[in-house]
Amino acid sequence: MFEHKKEPLLPRYKYVRRVARHGFLAFGIIFFSLAIGILGYHVLEGMSWIDATVNASMILGGMGPVNELRTNAGKLFASAYALFSGIVFLVAVGVLFAPVLHRFLHKFHMDRGER
C-alpha cells in the first residue's frame, strides 16, 4: 500500500491525497460505529433518536452514558458498545496517522542514506 523504503518519497500532492483518503476512511469508521450505537440504544433501550445519538456519541467519545439505562438488554449493549468504542477509537487514530508516520519514517531512512 505504501512505498518501500528504497523507493523515493511520494510527491506532496499524492501524499496529501493519501492523507485525505485515510481521513475519509477514519471518518467512515467513526460514522459506522456511531450508527451502530444509535441503532442499539434506540431499539434495545427505547430511546428517542436524539437521546440515542447523544448516548452513542458520548460513549464513542469516551465520556460515558448520559441517560440512565432501564433494561438488561440495554445495559448489556452499553457495556459491549463501550468496549467496542475504545477499540474503534484506537483503530481510527491508527488509520488517520498511518500515512503521516510512514512518511516521517521513510524520510528518516532516506536521510540516513539507506536508499
Protein backbone atom coordinates (compact mmCIF):
# COMPACT_ATOMS: atom_id res chain seq x y z
CA MET A 1 0.00 0.00 0.00
CA PHE A 2 2.80 2.43 0.88
CA GLU A 3 6.06 2.83 -0.96
CA HIS A 4 9.06 0.77 0.08
CA LYS A 5 11.95 2.47 1.86
CA LYS A 6 14.11 2.04 -1.26
CA GLU A 7 11.61 3.99 -3.37
CA PRO A 8 11.62 7.81 -3.47
CA LEU A 9 9.29 9.90 -1.34
CA LEU A 10 5.79 10.27 -2.71
CA PRO A 11 5.21 13.71 -4.29
CA ARG A 12 3.41 16.16 -1.99
CA TYR A 13 0.14 16.20 -3.96
CA LYS A 14 -0.10 12.41 -3.87
CA TYR A 15 0.77 12.43 -0.18
CA VAL A 16 -2.00 14.95 0.56
CA ARG A 17 -4.42 12.78 -1.40
CA ARG A 18 -3.33 9.73 0.64
CA VAL A 19 -3.84 11.60 3.91
CA ALA A 20 -7.30 12.72 2.73
CA ARG A 21 -8.25 9.14 1.80
CA HIS A 22 -7.18 7.92 5.22
CA GLY A 23 -9.09 10.77 6.84
CA PHE A 24 -12.25 9.80 4.99
CA LEU A 25 -11.73 6.16 5.98
CA ALA A 26 -11.29 7.12 9.64
CA PHE A 27 -14.43 9.28 9.42
CA GLY A 28 -16.31 6.35 7.88
CA ILE A 29 -15.23 4.03 10.68
CA ILE A 30 -16.41 6.54 13.30
CA PHE A 31 -19.68 7.22 11.46
CA PHE A 32 -20.44 3.48 11.08
CA SER A 33 -19.67 2.87 14.75
CA LEU A 34 -21.87 5.79 15.77
CA ALA A 35 -24.70 4.37 13.66
CA ILE A 36 -24.38 1.01 15.45
CA GLY A 37 -24.62 2.76 18.82
CA ILE A 38 -27.59 4.92 17.81
CA LEU A 39 -29.49 1.94 16.47
CA GLY A 40 -28.67 -0.18 19.52
CA TYR A 41 -29.83 2.43 22.02
CA HIS A 42 -32.95 3.18 20.00
CA VAL A 43 -34.00 -0.45 19.59
CA LEU A 44 -32.82 -2.04 22.83
CA GLU A 45 -33.38 0.82 25.26
CA GLY A 46 -36.31 2.50 23.52
CA MET A 47 -34.64 5.91 23.49
CA SER A 48 -35.65 8.63 21.07
CA TRP A 49 -33.33 9.10 18.11
CA ILE A 50 -31.77 12.23 19.60
CA ASP A 51 -31.20 10.64 23.03
CA ALA A 52 -29.74 7.56 21.35
CA THR A 53 -27.42 9.82 19.34
CA VAL A 54 -26.26 11.67 22.45
CA ASN A 55 -25.59 8.45 24.36
CA ALA A 56 -23.78 6.79 21.46
CA SER A 57 -21.70 9.92 20.84
CA MET A 58 -20.74 10.26 24.47
CA ILE A 59 -19.69 6.64 24.79
CA LEU A 60 -17.83 6.70 21.47
CA GLY A 61 -16.04 9.84 22.63
CA GLY A 62 -15.09 8.23 25.93
CA MET A 63 -17.29 10.37 28.18
CA GLY A 64 -19.85 7.78 29.29
CA PRO A 65 -23.62 7.47 29.01
CA VAL A 66 -25.98 10.41 29.59
CA ASN A 67 -29.34 8.73 30.23
CA GLU A 68 -29.99 6.03 32.77
CA LEU A 69 -30.34 2.55 31.27
CA ARG A 70 -33.50 0.69 32.26
CA THR A 71 -33.40 -2.70 30.52
CA ASN A 72 -30.96 -5.56 30.90
CA ALA A 73 -30.57 -5.72 27.12
CA GLY A 74 -29.70 -2.03 27.06
CA LYS A 75 -27.15 -2.44 29.82
CA LEU A 76 -25.50 -5.39 28.07
CA PHE A 77 -25.44 -3.45 24.81
CA ALA A 78 -23.95 -0.38 26.53
CA SER A 79 -21.15 -2.42 28.08
CA ALA A 80 -20.32 -4.15 24.78
CA TYR A 81 -20.57 -0.87 22.89
CA ALA A 82 -18.23 0.84 25.35
CA LEU A 83 -15.57 -1.85 24.84
CA PHE A 84 -16.12 -1.73 21.08
CA SER A 85 -15.84 2.08 21.11
CA GLY A 86 -12.46 2.00 22.80
CA ILE A 87 -11.08 -0.26 20.11
CA VAL A 88 -12.73 1.75 17.32
CA PHE A 89 -11.12 4.94 18.61
CA LEU A 90 -7.67 3.36 18.53
CA VAL A 91 -8.24 1.93 15.04
CA ALA A 92 -9.48 5.28 13.68
CA VAL A 93 -6.46 7.12 15.12
CA GLY A 94 -4.14 4.48 13.63
CA VAL A 95 -5.76 4.79 10.22
CA LEU A 96 -5.59 8.58 10.38
CA PHE A 97 -1.93 8.81 11.40
CA ALA A 98 -0.53 5.87 9.40
CA PRO A 99 0.44 7.90 6.30
CA VAL A 100 1.98 10.68 8.42
CA LEU A 101 4.07 8.26 10.46
CA HIS A 102 5.05 6.32 7.33
CA ARG A 103 6.25 9.47 5.57
CA PHE A 104 8.23 10.54 8.64
CA LEU A 105 9.95 7.15 8.92
CA HIS A 106 10.50 6.96 5.16
CA LYS A 107 12.17 10.38 5.15
CA PHE A 108 14.21 9.43 8.23
CA HIS A 109 15.58 6.35 6.44
CA MET A 110 16.37 8.39 3.33
CA ASP A 111 18.24 10.98 5.41
CA ARG A 112 20.36 8.23 6.93
CA GLY A 113 21.43 7.17 3.44
CA GLU A 114 19.58 3.85 3.43
CA ARG A 115 18.24 4.04 -0.09
